[in-house]
């Protein structure tokens, strides 16, 4: 595993780490995080970004008086160029607002190596399975298809792969014999909303640092 993960500074309640939360949908995870941060923490949601104008998470940000940006996908036919231009617009916002950590919360776009190179160690994601099992966009479907009796969620640092970054924490959920994708998803979401804020507490308070302020890529917590 690469040692190139550089974590954010250690925050305090008086000077919390500034988060940008990326969302694509309703923002239930964002809502849970904002509620958690109503008690002073070592991190704070400073802005919310979505590529979708009607994403429910933008309305949650507005209701809570949090800066929000709709960054639409550029009308460029070449997908690689389109993604790069989109991320350049996002990067400018992040720089302008002094963001220190990117939190992916139901963000449905894959982050390019270009943006990862600027933020490696400062992008976190939550995935609805116990990684490294069942990566990708259809975790609940794949869990049920495999007949697994346990699933859960994983918070990890984002690297250049798909759900392959160092694991920061996990929470387990039993799979019931009569589960549907929806029922399993709903039960896993409950654990996601508990786990993500706690892992953000840890990463923003220096829990994962060693003396060189590099991530120990072999650490995981279950």
C-alpha atoms as a PDB file:
ATOM      1  CA  UNK A   1       0.000   0.000   0.000  1.00  0.00           C
ATOM      2  CA  UNK A   2       1.233   3.464  -0.879  1.00  0.00           C
ATOM      3  CA  UNK A   3       2.449   5.698   1.945  1.00  0.00           C
ATOM      4  CA  UNK A   4       1.242   8.819   0.144  1.00  0.00           C
ATOM      5  CA  UNK A   5      -1.832   9.374   2.295  1.00  0.00           C
ATOM      6  CA  UNK A   6      -1.449  12.733   4.053  1.00  0.00           C
ATOM      7  CA  UNK A   7      -4.175  13.250   6.645  1.00  0.00           C
ATOM      8  CA  UNK A   8      -5.759  16.578   7.602  1.00  0.00           C
ATOM      9  CA  UNK A   9      -4.532  18.612  10.544  1.00  0.00           C
ATOM     10  CA  UNK A  10      -5.776  17.883  14.042  1.00  0.00           C
ATOM     11  CA  UNK A  11      -8.895  19.920  14.691  1.00  0.00           C
ATOM     12  CA  UNK A  12     -10.260  21.317  17.928  1.00  0.00           C
ATOM     13  CA  UNK A  13     -13.747  22.348  18.985  1.00  0.00           C
ATOM     14  CA  UNK A  14     -12.616  25.971  18.745  1.00  0.00           C
ATOM     15  CA  UNK A  15     -10.979  25.435  15.340  1.00  0.00           C
ATOM     16  CA  UNK A  16     -12.677  22.439  13.712  1.00  0.00           C
ATOM     17  CA  UNK A  17     -11.561  20.820  10.466  1.00  0.00           C
ATOM     18  CA  UNK A  18     -13.608  22.265   7.595  1.00  0.00           C
ATOM     19  CA  UNK A  19     -15.520  19.576   5.673  1.00  0.00           C
ATOM     20  CA  UNK A  20     -16.974  19.611   2.179  1.00  0.00           C
ATOM     21  CA  UNK A  21     -19.696  16.981   1.885  1.00  0.00           C
ATOM     22  CA  UNK A  22     -20.304  15.657  -1.646  1.00  0.00           C
ATOM     23  CA  UNK A  23     -23.820  14.311  -2.239  1.00  0.00           C
ATOM     24  CA  UNK A  24     -25.938  13.164  -5.171  1.00  0.00           C
ATOM     25  CA  UNK A  25     -29.256  12.348  -3.549  1.00  0.00           C
ATOM     26  CA  UNK A  26     -31.523  12.920  -0.587  1.00  0.00           C
ATOM     27  CA  UNK A  27     -28.753  13.568   1.894  1.00  0.00           C
ATOM     28  CA  UNK A  28     -29.840  11.366   4.808  1.00  0.00           C
ATOM     29  CA  UNK A  29     -26.206  10.882   5.795  1.00  0.00           C
ATOM     30  CA  UNK A  30     -25.598  14.616   5.546  1.00  0.00           C
ATOM     31  CA  UNK A  31     -28.611  15.301   7.760  1.00  0.00           C
ATOM     32  CA  UNK A  32     -27.317  12.848  10.356  1.00  0.00           C
ATOM     33  CA  UNK A  33     -23.847  14.432  10.285  1.00  0.00           C
ATOM     34  CA  UNK A  34     -25.210  17.971  10.673  1.00  0.00           C
ATOM     35  CA  UNK A  35     -27.300  16.837  13.634  1.00  0.00           C
ATOM     36  CA  UNK A  36     -24.221  15.248  15.198  1.00  0.00           C
ATOM     37  CA  UNK A  37     -22.244  18.460  14.727  1.00  0.00           C
ATOM     38  CA  UNK A  38     -24.815  20.539  16.618  1.00  0.00           C
ATOM     39  CA  UNK A  39     -22.790  19.477  19.639  1.00  0.00           C
ATOM     40  CA  UNK A  40     -19.352  21.085  19.080  1.00  0.00           C
ATOM     41  CA  UNK A  41     -16.976  18.626  17.416  1.00  0.00           C
ATOM     42  CA  UNK A  42     -13.470  18.700  15.948  1.00  0.00           C
ATOM     43  CA  UNK A  43     -15.018  18.931  12.457  1.00  0.00           C
ATOM     44  CA  UNK A  44     -17.717  21.067  10.893  1.00  0.00           C
ATOM     45  CA  UNK A  45     -19.610  20.880   7.601  1.00  0.00           C
ATOM     46  CA  UNK A  46     -18.623  24.091   5.827  1.00  0.00           C
ATOM     47  CA  UNK A  47     -20.187  23.409   2.450  1.00  0.00           C
ATOM     48  CA  UNK A  48     -22.156  20.868   0.440  1.00  0.00           C
ATOM     49  CA  UNK A  49     -21.583  20.112  -3.248  1.00  0.00           C
ATOM     50  CA  UNK A  50     -23.777  18.163  -5.662  1.00  0.00           C
ATOM     51  CA  UNK A  51     -23.761  17.634  -9.401  1.00  0.00           C
ATOM     52  CA  UNK A  52     -27.574  17.397  -9.301  1.00  0.00           C
ATOM     53  CA  UNK A  53     -29.625  20.583  -9.013  1.00  0.00           C
ATOM     54  CA  UNK A  54     -32.553  18.878  -7.289  1.00  0.00           C
ATOM     55  CA  UNK A  55     -30.524  16.792  -4.834  1.00  0.00           C
ATOM     56  CA  UNK A  56     -32.351  16.731  -1.530  1.00  0.00           C
ATOM     57  CA  UNK A  57     -29.100  17.233   0.326  1.00  0.00           C
ATOM     58  CA  UNK A  58     -28.810  20.771  -1.064  1.00  0.00           C
ATOM     59  CA  UNK A  59     -32.147  21.618   0.545  1.00  0.00           C
ATOM     60  CA  UNK A  60     -30.910  20.167   3.845  1.00  0.00           C
ATOM     61  CA  UNK A  61     -27.841  22.399   3.598  1.00  0.00           C
ATOM     62  CA  UNK A  62     -30.012  25.433   2.868  1.00  0.00           C
ATOM     63  CA  UNK A  63     -32.274  24.693   5.838  1.00  0.00           C
ATOM     64  CA  UNK A  64     -29.225  24.516   8.092  1.00  0.00           C
ATOM     65  CA  UNK A  65     -27.673  27.679   6.603  1.00  0.00           C
ATOM     66  CA  UNK A  66     -24.692  25.794   5.186  1.00  0.00           C
ATOM     67  CA  UNK A  67     -22.991  27.004   2.023  1.00  0.00           C
ATOM     68  CA  UNK A  68     -24.073  24.870  -0.926  1.00  0.00           C
ATOM     69  CA  UNK A  69     -23.072  24.555  -4.560  1.00  0.00           C
ATOM     70  CA  UNK A  70     -24.726  22.904  -7.511  1.00  0.00           C
ATOM     71  CA  UNK A  71     -21.870  22.094  -9.902  1.00  0.00           C
ATOM     72  CA  UNK A  72     -23.462  20.668 -13.060  1.00  0.00           C
ATOM     73  CA  UNK A  73     -21.586  18.390 -15.393  1.00  0.00           C
ATOM     74  CA  UNK A  74     -20.133  20.433 -18.272  1.00  0.00           C
ATOM     75  CA  UNK A  75     -21.557  19.890 -21.743  1.00  0.00           C
ATOM     76  CA  UNK A  76     -18.400  18.301 -23.136  1.00  0.00           C
ATOM     77  CA  UNK A  77     -18.743  15.198 -25.299  1.00  0.00           C
ATOM     78  CA  UNK A  78     -15.444  13.626 -24.276  1.00  0.00           C
ATOM     79  CA  UNK A  79     -16.147  12.026 -20.896  1.00  0.00           C
ATOM     80  CA  UNK A  80     -12.574  12.285 -19.659  1.00  0.00           C
ATOM     81  CA  UNK A  81     -12.401  15.980 -20.476  1.00  0.00           C
ATOM     82  CA  UNK A  82     -15.862  16.519 -19.010  1.00  0.00           C
ATOM     83  CA  UNK A  83     -14.903  14.905 -15.714  1.00  0.00           C
ATOM     84  CA  UNK A  84     -11.660  16.868 -15.502  1.00  0.00           C
ATOM     85  CA  UNK A  85     -13.384  20.190 -16.161  1.00  0.00           C
ATOM     86  CA  UNK A  86     -16.078  19.343 -13.599  1.00  0.00           C
ATOM     87  CA  UNK A  87     -13.488  18.541 -10.960  1.00  0.00           C
ATOM     88  CA  UNK A  88     -11.492  21.673 -11.756  1.00  0.00           C
ATOM     89  CA  UNK A  89     -14.600  23.719 -10.968  1.00  0.00           C
ATOM     90  CA  UNK A  90     -15.040  21.800  -7.720  1.00  0.00           C
ATOM     91  CA  UNK A  91     -11.373  22.197  -6.815  1.00  0.00           C
ATOM     92  CA  UNK A  92     -11.655  25.969  -7.204  1.00  0.00           C
ATOM     93  CA  UNK A  93     -14.575  26.025  -4.770  1.00  0.00           C
ATOM     94  CA  UNK A  94     -12.686  23.884  -2.270  1.00  0.00           C
ATOM     95  CA  UNK A  95      -9.689  26.201  -2.432  1.00  0.00           C
ATOM     96  CA  UNK A  96     -11.792  29.354  -2.155  1.00  0.00           C
ATOM     97  CA  UNK A  97     -13.535  28.036   0.964  1.00  0.00           C
ATOM     98  CA  UNK A  98     -10.405  26.656   2.660  1.00  0.00           C
ATOM     99  CA  UNK A  99     -11.758  23.116   2.791  1.00  0.00           C
ATOM    100  CA  UNK A 100      -9.590  20.568   4.610  1.00  0.00           C
ATOM    101  CA  UNK A 101     -11.399  17.239   4.177  1.00  0.00           C
ATOM    102  CA  UNK A 102     -13.766  15.871   1.521  1.00  0.00           C
ATOM    103  CA  UNK A 103     -16.546  13.616   2.816  1.00  0.00           C
ATOM    104  CA  UNK A 104     -18.338  11.502   0.211  1.00  0.00           C
ATOM    105  CA  UNK A 105     -21.888  10.793   1.368  1.00  0.00           C
ATOM    106  CA  UNK A 106     -23.970   9.139  -1.312  1.00  0.00           C
ATOM    107  CA  UNK A 107     -21.899  10.787  -4.051  1.00  0.00           C
ATOM    108  CA  UNK A 108     -22.412   8.721  -7.170  1.00  0.00           C
ATOM    109  CA  UNK A 109     -19.463   9.904  -9.248  1.00  0.00           C
ATOM    110  CA  UNK A 110     -16.036   8.249  -9.269  1.00  0.00           C
ATOM    111  CA  UNK A 111     -13.290  10.651  -8.211  1.00  0.00           C
ATOM    112  CA  UNK A 112     -10.563  10.944 -10.852  1.00  0.00           C
ATOM    113  CA  UNK A 113      -6.849  10.371 -10.187  1.00  0.00           C
ATOM    114  CA  UNK A 114      -6.338  14.095 -10.836  1.00  0.00           C
ATOM    115  CA  UNK A 115      -8.468  15.159  -7.870  1.00  0.00           C
ATOM    116  CA  UNK A 116      -7.263  12.283  -5.700  1.00  0.00           C
ATOM    117  CA  UNK A 117      -3.665  13.406  -6.261  1.00  0.00           C
ATOM    118  CA  UNK A 118      -4.529  16.746  -4.650  1.00  0.00           C
ATOM    119  CA  UNK A 119      -6.490  15.274  -1.721  1.00  0.00           C
ATOM    120  CA  UNK A 120      -5.115  11.781  -1.084  1.00  0.00           C
ATOM    121  CA  UNK A 121      -5.572  11.110   2.617  1.00  0.00           C
ATOM    122  CA  UNK A 122      -8.173  13.874   2.810  1.00  0.00           C
ATOM    123  CA  UNK A 123     -11.040  12.145   0.979  1.00  0.00           C
ATOM    124  CA  UNK A 124     -13.181   9.686   2.939  1.00  0.00           C
ATOM    125  CA  UNK A 125     -16.062   7.524   1.775  1.00  0.00           C
ATOM    126  CA  UNK A 126     -18.604   5.210   3.350  1.00  0.00           C
ATOM    127  CA  UNK A 127     -19.475   2.003   1.504  1.00  0.00           C
ATOM    128  CA  UNK A 128     -22.476  -0.254   2.313  1.00  0.00           C
ATOM    129  CA  UNK A 129     -20.635  -3.538   2.790  1.00  0.00           C
ATOM    130  CA  UNK A 130     -17.791  -4.975   4.809  1.00  0.00           C
ATOM    131  CA  UNK A 131     -14.941  -4.236   2.448  1.00  0.00           C
ATOM    132  CA  UNK A 132     -12.973  -5.748   0.825  1.00  0.00           C
ATOM    133  CA  UNK A 133     -16.085  -7.871   0.231  1.00  0.00           C
ATOM    134  CA  UNK A 134     -18.679  -6.568  -2.234  1.00  0.00           C
ATOM    135  CA  UNK A 135     -17.147  -3.354  -3.595  1.00  0.00           C
ATOM    136  CA  UNK A 136     -18.871  -1.367  -6.316  1.00  0.00           C
ATOM    137  CA  UNK A 137     -22.250   0.240  -6.890  1.00  0.00           C
ATOM    138  CA  UNK A 138     -24.532  -2.732  -6.103  1.00  0.00           C
ATOM    139  CA  UNK A 139     -23.286  -3.970  -2.747  1.00  0.00           C
ATOM    140  CA  UNK A 140     -26.672  -4.909  -1.242  1.00  0.00           C
ATOM    141  CA  UNK A 141     -27.705  -6.826  -4.361  1.00  0.00           C
ATOM    142  CA  UNK A 142     -24.389  -8.655  -4.385  1.00  0.00           C
ATOM    143  CA  UNK A 143     -24.565  -9.486  -0.671  1.00  0.00           C
ATOM    144  CA  UNK A 144     -28.001 -11.055  -1.092  1.00  0.00           C
ATOM    145  CA  UNK A 145     -27.015 -12.882  -4.281  1.00  0.00           C
ATOM    146  CA  UNK A 146     -24.036 -14.414  -2.486  1.00  0.00           C
ATOM    147  CA  UNK A 147     -26.233 -15.669   0.363  1.00  0.00           C
ATOM    148  CA  UNK A 148     -24.131 -13.897   2.977  1.00  0.00           C
ATOM    149  CA  UNK A 149     -25.507 -13.841   6.515  1.00  0.00           C
ATOM    150  CA  UNK A 150     -23.653 -10.686   7.503  1.00  0.00           C
ATOM    151  CA  UNK A 151     -23.070  -7.316   5.911  1.00  0.00           C
ATOM    152  CA  UNK A 152     -22.495  -3.802   7.184  1.00  0.00           C
ATOM    153  CA  UNK A 153     -20.672  -0.635   6.224  1.00  0.00           C
ATOM    154  CA  UNK A 154     -17.094   0.541   5.890  1.00  0.00           C
ATOM    155  CA  UNK A 155     -15.486   3.981   6.149  1.00  0.00           C
ATOM    156  CA  UNK A 156     -12.287   4.182   4.136  1.00  0.00           C
ATOM    157  CA  UNK A 157      -9.850   6.607   2.617  1.00  0.00           C
ATOM    158  CA  UNK A 158     -10.282   7.044  -1.116  1.00  0.00           C
ATOM    159  CA  UNK A 159      -7.464   5.994  -3.403  1.00  0.00           C
ATOM    160  CA  UNK A 160      -7.226   5.458  -7.165  1.00  0.00           C
ATOM    161  CA  UNK A 161      -9.137   2.174  -7.075  1.00  0.00           C
ATOM    162  CA  UNK A 162     -12.829   1.425  -6.544  1.00  0.00           C
ATOM    163  CA  UNK A 163     -13.450   0.988  -2.794  1.00  0.00           C
ATOM    164  CA  UNK A 164      -9.834  -0.125  -2.272  1.00  0.00           C
ATOM    165  CA  UNK A 165      -8.487   2.564   0.085  1.00  0.00           C
ATOM    166  CA  UNK A 166      -7.326   1.917   3.670  1.00  0.00           C
ATOM    167  CA  UNK A 167     -10.164   0.944   6.001  1.00  0.00           C
ATOM    168  CA  UNK A 168     -10.764   3.292   8.946  1.00  0.00           C
ATOM    169  CA  UNK A 169     -13.718   1.563  10.563  1.00  0.00           C
ATOM    170  CA  UNK A 170     -16.561  -0.892  10.029  1.00  0.00           C
ATOM    171  CA  UNK A 171     -19.928  -1.775  11.528  1.00  0.00           C
ATOM    172  CA  UNK A 172     -21.664  -5.128  11.112  1.00  0.00           C
ATOM    173  CA  UNK A 173     -25.311  -5.856  10.292  1.00  0.00           C
ATOM    174  CA  UNK A 174     -26.993  -9.260  10.212  1.00  0.00           C
ATOM    175  CA  UNK A 175     -28.607 -10.271   6.942  1.00  0.00           C
ATOM    176  CA  UNK A 176     -32.060 -11.781   7.457  1.00  0.00           C
ATOM    177  CA  UNK A 177     -33.355 -14.673   5.339  1.00  0.00           C
ATOM    178  CA  UNK A 178     -36.292 -12.585   4.096  1.00  0.00           C
ATOM    179  CA  UNK A 179     -34.267  -9.430   3.370  1.00  0.00           C
ATOM    180  CA  UNK A 180     -34.848  -7.431   0.224  1.00  0.00           C
ATOM    181  CA  UNK A 181     -32.359  -4.917  -1.120  1.00  0.00           C
ATOM    182  CA  UNK A 182     -34.506  -2.165   0.429  1.00  0.00           C
ATOM    183  CA  UNK A 183     -34.799  -3.724   3.887  1.00  0.00           C
ATOM    184  CA  UNK A 184     -31.070  -4.483   4.046  1.00  0.00           C
ATOM    185  CA  UNK A 185     -30.214  -1.000   2.790  1.00  0.00           C
ATOM    186  CA  UNK A 186     -32.415   0.619   5.435  1.00  0.00           C
ATOM    187  CA  UNK A 187     -30.796  -1.366   8.240  1.00  0.00           C
ATOM    188  CA  UNK A 188     -27.270  -0.665   7.000  1.00  0.00           C
ATOM    189  CA  UNK A 189     -28.052   3.073   6.714  1.00  0.00           C
ATOM    190  CA  UNK A 190     -28.825   3.192  10.423  1.00  0.00           C
ATOM    191  CA  UNK A 191     -25.303   1.950  11.130  1.00  0.00           C
ATOM    192  CA  UNK A 192     -23.780   4.254   8.513  1.00  0.00           C
ATOM    193  CA  UNK A 193     -25.257   7.281  10.263  1.00  0.00           C
ATOM    194  CA  UNK A 194     -23.724   6.163  13.557  1.00  0.00           C
ATOM    195  CA  UNK A 195     -20.328   5.108  12.211  1.00  0.00           C
ATOM    196  CA  UNK A 196     -19.401   7.936   9.840  1.00  0.00           C
ATOM    197  CA  UNK A 197     -19.456  10.809  12.379  1.00  0.00           C
ATOM    198  CA  UNK A 198     -17.439   8.776  14.869  1.00  0.00           C
ATOM    199  CA  UNK A 199     -14.750   7.988  12.295  1.00  0.00           C
ATOM    200  CA  UNK A 200     -14.662  11.657  11.308  1.00  0.00           C
ATOM    201  CA  UNK A 201     -14.083  12.438  14.993  1.00  0.00           C
ATOM    202  CA  UNK A 202     -11.101  10.121  14.932  1.00  0.00           C
ATOM    203  CA  UNK A 203      -9.533  11.258  11.677  1.00  0.00           C
ATOM    204  CA  UNK A 204      -9.939  14.933  12.650  1.00  0.00           C
ATOM    205  CA  UNK A 205      -8.471  14.422  16.111  1.00  0.00           C
ATOM    206  CA  UNK A 206      -5.312  12.632  14.957  1.00  0.00           C
ATOM    207  CA  UNK A 207      -6.339   9.106  15.975  1.00  0.00           C
ATOM    208  CA  UNK A 208      -4.911   7.614  12.770  1.00  0.00           C
ATOM    209  CA  UNK A 209      -1.650   9.565  12.771  1.00  0.00           C
ATOM    210  CA  UNK A 210       1.761   8.106  13.414  1.00  0.00           C
ATOM    211  CA  UNK A 211       4.781  10.282  14.123  1.00  0.00           C
ATOM    212  CA  UNK A 212       5.246  11.056  10.431  1.00  0.00           C
ATOM    213  CA  UNK A 213       1.558  11.967  10.010  1.00  0.00           C
ATOM    214  CA  UNK A 214       1.042   9.175   7.514  1.00  0.00           C
ATOM    215  CA  UNK A 215      -1.840   6.730   7.528  1.00  0.00           C
ATOM    216  CA  UNK A 216      -1.101   3.226   8.723  1.00  0.00           C
ATOM    217  CA  UNK A 217      -2.653   1.408   5.783  1.00  0.00           C
ATOM    218  CA  UNK A 218      -2.955  -1.837   7.727  1.00  0.00           C
ATOM    219  CA  UNK A 219      -5.177  -0.380  10.448  1.00  0.00           C
ATOM    220  CA  UNK A 220      -8.817  -1.308  10.590  1.00  0.00           C
ATOM    221  CA  UNK A 221     -11.445  -1.284  13.284  1.00  0.00           C
ATOM    222  CA  UNK A 222     -14.424  -3.583  13.331  1.00  0.00           C
END
